[in-house]
Every structure is written in structure tokens, then in C-alpha cells.
Amino acid sequence: MKGFVKAKAGIWLMTLVGCSIIFYSFGACNAPNVGLVTLTLDGPEYVGVGTTNDYTLTFSPSNVDTNGGKFVWSYTGFAVVGSDTSNPIKLVAPATPSNSATDKKTIRCEFSKDGWSSASECSAQKKVIVAQIAISDIVRAANLPFSLPPTKMKIVNVTISPTGLNTTFDIINGNADNGSAAVSANATRTSSGPIIITGGNQTKVGYAGKIQVRARINGNNCGRSKGFSICAHPSTIGFTYIGMLEPLQYGPSDLRWGAEYLLQYLSDSGTPGDCDKTKLSEIVTVTRYRFLRRESTERIWFYCGNRPAIR
């Protein structure tokens, strides 16, 4: 069933689709030397709590002269940034979400100018739902930056308020430098619960923490996760003792000695080659600050008063 209702403030279009009723509000008034002018309030129908969004009163035909006219805005629960008589206007959404998926807040703009129809007729409004979409952090382990190994899946919990909002989740800012990921399960939800993120290409050095999970409702941005990276970590590191090294002479005065170990490791991505950028170092604590040099007819070696401690 489709119907049209003419109201004093303009033209209302009501469309009944299944069990959902969607309202669009258009204004219509007369302007000198132009005749009928249609007004529309452009801006997002779904906004995230506390976000700043632009709303614009547009005119058709677009070349109608609005210079010298006055814009009067009204809004429930929103806060204005800058002037409240400008067009477009910046509005900050309330800090709390709508009570339900049908609890819509009204943003309205009236335009007045000499020779035009009354301001109540030269107006348009938009019904807006304020959503709170929370996306949990991509936690790897305690004290590590948010990240995910390539090819591995991560359960990420999301909270949708009010419930019943058809929310789509995807990945933004993924590219050859930042790395890539995908929402591989439950990419669309209407209630709180888990989604699945799968790591893709690794993040390059210097581009960490730029990939995000985005939440959208009807194409409107309503939430983002904190930034994260795609990278492999050595999951297991082991050393197999081979033996002690005799002093090796690389030059007339370049002697080296120590123990030989075979390094073995596994990658948490399942592919050891993903750890090709991993750097390994050791800290040697010497309990005596000066090495002594001793010579014999057979060899030259260095030693300290106590065995160095390696950690």
C-alpha cells in the first residue's frame, strides 16, 4: 500500500513496506518569479552517539535565489556546532541512543524571505535515530598493540543499541601499506553478539594501527573500532645447544668466541616466512667491567672475572 498525504507544512510521503513504515518529509512553497519550490533536508538518518554530522536544507530548482533569507533550525537532543542560523548546520548527536528502533528524533529547518510563502510552508524535516554501536578491541595479548595474525580468525563482540537496527560491519583503511582484513562471518546483525574478523596481508613497517572495523546502518557511519594491524609473531622460540666455539679470528685483532645454538621458531600465522621481519637480540650482563687478554704459545683469548650472565 502506498499513499500520499498533503500537510500544511509541505508534502509527506508514507510508504508501507512489510511491517516497516518509512517517512520522508519534503517542503513545498512558492518563490517570486519561480513558482513552486521543493525543499529537502539532506543528512544522515542514522547517527552514532556523540558524532558530528552535517544537515543541509536544499532547494529545487537549485538556482533559486536564497540570498538574504533566514534559516531557523530546531532539533531535539542535538547540540549545534557554530551558528544555528547557517545552512548547512553541524549538529552533535546526543550521548545516549534512541530508546527503540522506532524512536526517531526530529531535525527541522524553516526558511523565510520576503515574497516567499510562510516559513511553516518553506520547511523540511528529517527523522533521525541515534545508535550506539560498540566494537570490542582486537586484543592480541596483554601489553601488545591491537593486532591479528594473517589468515587467522578473531571473534570480535559488538553491541547494538537500540536493538533491531540492521547494522553492517566491514573493514576500512586496508591497503598495501596498512595491511588487510575481512569480516568473514556475521557481517550483518540486528542485535548484539559476535562477528568474525580474518587477517589478510601483513601491515608494513611504519603503518601500524590504521585498519578499523566500521559499523553502518543504511549506509550511514555509526561506529568504528580502534585501529589495529595485521602481523605475525613468533609463537615459540627455542635454542638447541650445538657446542662451544673456539676463538675465531676474522682479522689480526678481531677475535670472537662463545657458544653455538640452533634457533628454531614457529609463527602464530602458521607460516614461518611471515616472521621474516622479526628481530632477535640478547642482553649480556658482565659482572666485571674489563676483559683481560691472555696469551700463550698456542692461543690468545679473553676472559672476565666471572661468567657473563645472559638473559
Protein backbone atom coordinates (compact mmCIF):
# COMPACT_ATOMS: atom_id res chain seq x y z
CA MET A 1 0.00 0.00 0.00
CA LYS A 2 1.35 3.41 -0.92
CA GLY A 3 -0.27 6.75 -0.17
CA PHE A 4 0.35 10.47 -0.27
CA VAL A 5 -0.84 12.93 2.38
CA LYS A 6 -0.75 16.72 1.84
CA ALA A 7 0.01 18.68 5.01
CA LYS A 8 0.26 22.42 5.58
CA ALA A 9 3.98 22.20 6.28
CA GLY A 10 4.68 20.52 2.99
CA ILE A 11 4.32 17.17 1.30
CA TRP A 12 4.55 13.93 3.27
CA LEU A 13 5.23 10.60 1.58
CA MET A 14 4.35 7.46 3.51
CA THR A 15 5.42 4.06 2.22
CA LEU A 16 4.30 0.86 3.89
CA VAL A 17 6.80 -1.95 3.24
CA GLY A 18 6.09 -5.23 5.04
CA CYS A 19 5.84 -4.22 8.69
CA SER A 20 8.03 -1.12 8.43
CA ILE A 21 6.80 2.40 7.84
CA ILE A 22 9.35 4.86 6.41
CA PHE A 23 8.60 8.59 6.48
CA TYR A 24 10.15 11.19 4.19
CA SER A 25 9.35 14.88 4.66
CA PHE A 26 9.57 17.39 1.82
CA GLY A 27 8.64 21.05 1.92
CA ALA A 28 6.92 22.89 -0.89
CA CYS A 29 6.34 26.64 -1.15
CA ASN A 30 6.18 29.49 -3.65
CA ALA A 31 9.03 31.86 -4.52
CA PRO A 32 8.82 35.09 -6.57
CA ASN A 33 9.45 34.66 -10.31
CA VAL A 34 9.98 30.93 -9.76
CA GLY A 35 6.75 29.45 -8.57
CA LEU A 36 6.78 26.12 -6.75
CA VAL A 37 10.00 25.34 -4.88
CA THR A 38 10.62 21.96 -3.25
CA LEU A 39 12.74 21.80 -0.08
CA THR A 40 14.54 18.72 1.21
CA LEU A 41 16.56 18.24 4.39
CA ASP A 42 19.68 16.25 3.50
CA GLY A 43 21.76 14.42 6.10
CA PRO A 44 22.12 11.01 7.73
CA GLU A 45 19.02 9.23 9.05
CA TYR A 46 21.12 7.15 11.46
CA VAL A 47 23.92 8.68 13.53
CA GLY A 48 26.27 7.40 16.19
CA VAL A 49 26.08 8.77 19.73
CA GLY A 50 28.18 11.90 20.15
CA THR A 51 29.09 12.16 16.45
CA THR A 52 29.02 15.41 14.48
CA ASN A 53 27.01 15.43 11.25
CA ASP A 54 26.06 17.97 8.60
CA TYR A 55 22.45 18.73 7.65
CA THR A 56 21.55 20.89 4.66
CA LEU A 57 18.28 22.41 3.50
CA THR A 58 18.31 22.07 -0.29
CA PHE A 59 16.10 23.75 -2.86
CA SER A 60 14.75 22.57 -6.20
CA PRO A 61 15.27 24.22 -8.59
CA SER A 62 18.78 24.62 -7.18
CA ASN A 63 19.39 28.04 -8.75
CA VAL A 64 16.62 29.73 -6.76
CA ASP A 65 17.86 32.91 -5.06
CA THR A 66 18.05 32.38 -1.29
CA ASN A 67 20.36 35.34 -0.55
CA GLY A 68 19.04 37.45 2.28
CA GLY A 69 16.83 34.65 3.56
CA LYS A 70 16.76 33.34 7.12
CA PHE A 71 17.24 29.74 8.24
CA VAL A 72 15.72 28.70 11.55
CA TRP A 73 16.65 25.24 12.84
CA SER A 74 15.01 23.17 15.54
CA TYR A 75 16.35 19.88 16.88
CA THR A 76 15.63 17.66 19.85
CA GLY A 77 18.53 16.45 21.95
CA PHE A 78 21.21 17.62 19.49
CA ALA A 79 23.80 20.33 20.08
CA VAL A 80 24.88 22.79 17.41
CA VAL A 81 28.49 23.48 16.44
CA GLY A 82 28.94 27.11 15.40
CA SER A 83 25.99 29.14 14.15
CA ASP A 84 22.45 27.79 14.42
CA THR A 85 21.30 30.02 11.53
CA SER A 86 23.71 28.68 8.93
CA ASN A 87 22.98 26.29 6.10
CA PRO A 88 24.36 23.64 6.25
CA ILE A 89 24.42 23.19 10.02
CA LYS A 90 26.64 20.96 12.15
CA LEU A 91 24.85 19.01 14.86
CA VAL A 92 26.31 16.80 17.58
CA ALA A 93 24.17 13.74 18.31
CA PRO A 94 23.03 13.00 21.87
CA ALA A 95 25.30 10.96 24.14
CA THR A 96 22.61 8.33 24.66
CA PRO A 97 20.96 6.20 21.95
CA SER A 98 17.33 6.19 20.94
CA ASN A 99 15.06 4.09 23.14
CA SER A 100 14.00 1.83 20.27
CA ALA A 101 14.41 1.30 16.54
CA THR A 102 11.33 3.49 16.03
CA ASP A 103 12.28 6.26 18.47
CA LYS A 104 13.13 8.99 15.97
CA LYS A 105 14.31 12.48 16.81
CA THR A 106 13.24 15.39 14.61
CA ILE A 107 15.55 17.87 12.91
CA ARG A 108 13.67 20.67 11.15
CA CYS A 109 14.62 23.78 9.19
CA GLU A 110 12.35 26.69 8.20
CA PHE A 111 13.31 29.21 5.54
CA SER A 112 11.86 32.71 5.33
CA LYS A 113 12.39 35.52 2.85
CA ASP A 114 10.31 38.47 1.67
CA GLY A 115 7.95 37.45 -1.08
CA TRP A 116 8.14 33.74 -0.29
CA SER A 117 5.41 31.63 1.27
CA SER A 118 5.25 31.44 5.05
CA ALA A 119 8.17 29.85 6.87
CA SER A 120 5.98 27.00 8.07
CA GLU A 121 5.42 26.03 4.45
CA CYS A 122 9.03 26.71 3.34
CA SER A 123 10.43 23.98 5.57
CA ALA A 124 11.55 20.38 5.67
CA GLN A 125 12.43 17.92 8.39
CA LYS A 126 14.19 14.62 8.91
CA LYS A 127 13.56 11.86 11.42
CA VAL A 128 16.82 10.57 12.89
CA ILE A 129 17.66 7.53 15.01
CA VAL A 130 20.65 7.77 17.34
CA ALA A 131 22.54 4.47 17.52
CA GLN A 132 25.28 3.25 19.81
CA ILE A 133 27.45 0.62 18.13
CA ALA A 134 30.35 -0.58 20.28
CA ILE A 135 33.04 -2.78 18.71
CA SER A 136 35.47 -4.56 21.03
CA ASP A 137 39.22 -4.10 20.64
CA ILE A 138 41.29 -6.52 18.54
CA VAL A 139 43.26 -7.75 21.55
CA ARG A 140 46.30 -9.97 20.80
CA ALA A 141 47.69 -10.39 24.30
CA ALA A 142 48.37 -8.28 27.36
CA ASN A 143 50.73 -5.34 26.72
CA LEU A 144 50.76 -5.89 22.95
CA PRO A 145 49.36 -3.47 20.36
CA PHE A 146 45.98 -4.41 18.87
CA SER A 147 46.70 -6.85 16.04
CA LEU A 148 45.78 -10.08 14.31
CA PRO A 149 47.95 -12.70 12.53
CA PRO A 150 47.47 -13.14 8.78
CA THR A 151 44.95 -15.87 7.80
CA LYS A 152 43.78 -16.24 11.43
CA MET A 153 40.28 -15.53 12.73
CA LYS A 154 39.31 -13.40 15.70
CA ILE A 155 35.96 -13.23 17.48
CA VAL A 156 35.00 -9.58 18.00
CA ASN A 157 31.98 -8.74 20.13
CA VAL A 158 29.71 -5.89 19.07
CA THR A 159 26.92 -4.13 20.95
CA ILE A 160 23.97 -2.66 19.04
CA SER A 161 21.67 -0.22 20.81
CA PRO A 162 18.78 0.07 20.31
CA THR A 163 18.29 -3.49 19.17
CA GLY A 164 16.60 -4.13 15.85
CA LEU A 165 18.84 -1.86 13.76
CA ASN A 166 20.11 -3.63 10.62
CA THR A 167 23.83 -3.00 11.09
CA THR A 168 26.53 -3.90 8.57
CA PHE A 169 30.19 -4.34 9.57
CA ASP A 170 33.16 -4.05 7.23
CA ILE A 171 36.88 -3.19 7.21
CA ILE A 172 38.17 0.27 6.30
CA ASN A 173 41.65 1.71 5.64
CA GLY A 174 43.01 -1.58 4.34
CA ASN A 175 45.62 -1.25 1.58
CA ALA A 176 49.07 -2.46 0.53
CA ASP A 177 50.75 -0.46 3.31
CA ASN A 178 48.25 -0.75 6.17
CA GLY A 179 47.53 -4.42 5.57
CA SER A 180 44.14 -6.02 5.02
CA ALA A 181 41.43 -7.95 6.83
CA ALA A 182 37.83 -9.02 6.25
CA VAL A 183 34.66 -9.55 8.22
CA SER A 184 34.26 -13.22 7.44
CA ALA A 185 31.14 -14.06 9.47
CA ASN A 186 28.07 -12.24 10.83
CA ALA A 187 28.82 -9.13 8.78
CA THR A 188 25.20 -8.04 9.25
CA ARG A 189 23.49 -8.08 12.64
CA THR A 190 20.37 -6.59 14.23
CA SER A 191 21.36 -7.35 17.81
CA SER A 192 24.47 -7.57 19.94
CA GLY A 193 26.78 -10.56 19.53
CA PRO A 194 29.99 -11.74 17.83
CA ILE A 195 31.38 -11.05 14.39
CA ILE A 196 34.44 -12.80 12.94
CA ILE A 197 37.49 -10.91 11.61
CA THR A 198 40.08 -12.71 9.45
CA GLY A 199 43.57 -11.32 8.90
CA GLY A 200 44.84 -10.77 5.36
CA ASN A 201 48.06 -9.19 4.11
CA GLN A 202 50.56 -8.03 6.72
CA THR A 203 50.99 -4.40 7.73
CA LYS A 204 54.21 -2.79 6.55
CA VAL A 205 56.68 -1.24 8.96
CA GLY A 206 55.61 2.31 9.85
CA TYR A 207 51.88 1.83 9.10
CA ALA A 208 50.69 0.11 12.27
CA GLY A 209 47.27 0.56 13.81
CA LYS A 210 45.35 2.04 10.87
CA ILE A 211 42.90 -0.73 9.94
CA GLN A 212 39.46 -0.41 11.56
CA VAL A 213 36.14 -2.23 11.75
CA ARG A 214 33.29 0.06 10.67
CA ALA A 215 29.60 -0.17 11.55
CA ARG A 216 26.98 1.25 9.17
CA ILE A 217 23.20 1.45 9.25
CA ASN A 218 21.50 2.08 5.92
CA GLY A 219 24.83 3.36 4.59
CA ASN A 220 25.31 5.80 7.48
CA ASN A 221 28.52 5.51 9.54
CA CYS A 222 27.57 4.78 13.14
CA GLY A 223 30.69 3.36 14.77
CA ARG A 224 34.32 2.31 14.40
CA SER A 225 36.74 0.13 16.29
CA LYS A 226 40.15 1.24 17.46
CA GLY A 227 42.89 0.77 14.88
CA PHE A 228 44.76 -2.50 14.58
CA SER A 229 47.45 -4.18 12.46
CA ILE A 230 47.96 -7.49 10.68
CA CYS A 231 51.27 -9.12 11.67
CA ALA A 232 52.77 -12.47 12.52
CA HIS A 233 54.60 -13.12 15.80
CA PRO A 234 56.92 -15.98 16.69
CA SER A 235 54.70 -18.17 18.88
CA THR A 236 57.51 -20.47 20.06
CA ILE A 237 61.23 -19.79 20.19
CA GLY A 238 63.74 -22.49 21.05
CA PHE A 239 67.50 -22.93 21.06
CA THR A 240 69.33 -26.21 20.59
CA TYR A 241 72.86 -26.19 22.00
CA ILE A 242 75.47 -27.16 19.44
CA GLY A 243 78.71 -26.57 21.31
CA MET A 244 81.35 -24.07 22.44
CA LEU A 245 83.20 -22.10 19.82
CA GLU A 246 86.95 -21.76 19.85
CA PRO A 247 88.13 -18.23 19.27
CA LEU A 248 87.52 -17.37 15.64
CA GLN A 249 89.94 -14.96 14.04
CA TYR A 250 88.44 -12.62 11.44
CA GLY A 251 91.41 -10.29 11.33
CA PRO A 252 94.73 -9.56 13.04
CA SER A 253 92.93 -8.22 16.12
CA ASP A 254 89.37 -9.46 15.59
CA LEU A 255 88.71 -12.47 17.78
CA ARG A 256 85.25 -13.83 18.57
CA TRP A 257 84.13 -16.65 20.78
CA GLY A 258 81.07 -18.04 22.51
CA ALA A 259 78.53 -20.83 22.27
CA GLU A 260 76.75 -22.02 19.14
CA TYR A 261 72.97 -22.61 19.19
CA LEU A 262 70.46 -23.56 16.54
CA LEU A 263 67.50 -21.15 16.55
CA GLN A 264 64.09 -22.71 15.97
CA TYR A 265 60.74 -20.91 16.00
CA LEU A 266 57.11 -21.20 14.94
CA SER A 267 54.87 -18.43 13.59
CA ASP A 268 51.39 -17.84 15.01
CA SER A 269 50.20 -17.43 11.42
CA GLY A 270 51.27 -21.00 10.64
CA THR A 271 53.80 -19.79 8.05
CA PRO A 272 57.37 -19.28 9.40
CA GLY A 273 58.19 -16.98 6.47
CA ASP A 274 55.68 -14.43 7.82
CA CYS A 275 58.19 -13.66 10.59
CA ASP A 276 60.89 -12.50 8.17
CA LYS A 277 60.89 -9.02 9.74
CA THR A 278 61.34 -10.32 13.29
CA LYS A 279 64.49 -9.19 15.06
CA LEU A 280 66.11 -11.16 17.86
CA SER A 281 68.59 -9.78 20.35
CA GLU A 282 70.14 -10.79 23.64
CA ILE A 283 71.29 -8.82 26.64
CA VAL A 284 74.61 -9.83 28.16
CA THR A 285 75.33 -8.63 31.68
CA VAL A 286 79.04 -8.59 32.54
CA THR A 287 79.81 -8.59 36.24
CA ARG A 288 83.31 -7.26 35.64
CA TYR A 289 83.75 -4.17 33.55
CA ARG A 290 87.09 -5.04 31.95
CA PHE A 291 88.04 -8.06 29.91
CA LEU A 292 91.56 -9.42 30.34
CA ARG A 293 93.72 -10.61 27.49
CA ARG A 294 95.93 -13.68 27.98
CA GLU A 295 98.38 -15.16 25.54
CA SER A 296 100.21 -18.46 25.26
CA THR A 297 102.25 -20.06 22.57
CA GLU A 298 99.13 -21.69 21.19
CA ARG A 299 96.25 -19.21 21.50
CA ILE A 300 95.00 -15.83 22.56
CA TRP A 301 91.70 -15.49 24.40
CA PHE A 302 89.78 -13.04 26.51
CA TYR A 303 88.04 -13.72 29.78
CA CYS A 304 86.34 -11.86 32.61
CA GLY A 305 86.44 -12.49 36.32
CA ASN A 306 83.01 -14.19 36.30
CA ARG A 307 80.98 -15.89 33.59
CA PRO A 308 78.71 -13.40 31.78
CA ALA A 309 75.03 -13.81 32.58
CA ILE A 310 72.77 -13.99 29.51
CA ARG A 311 69.08 -13.14 29.78
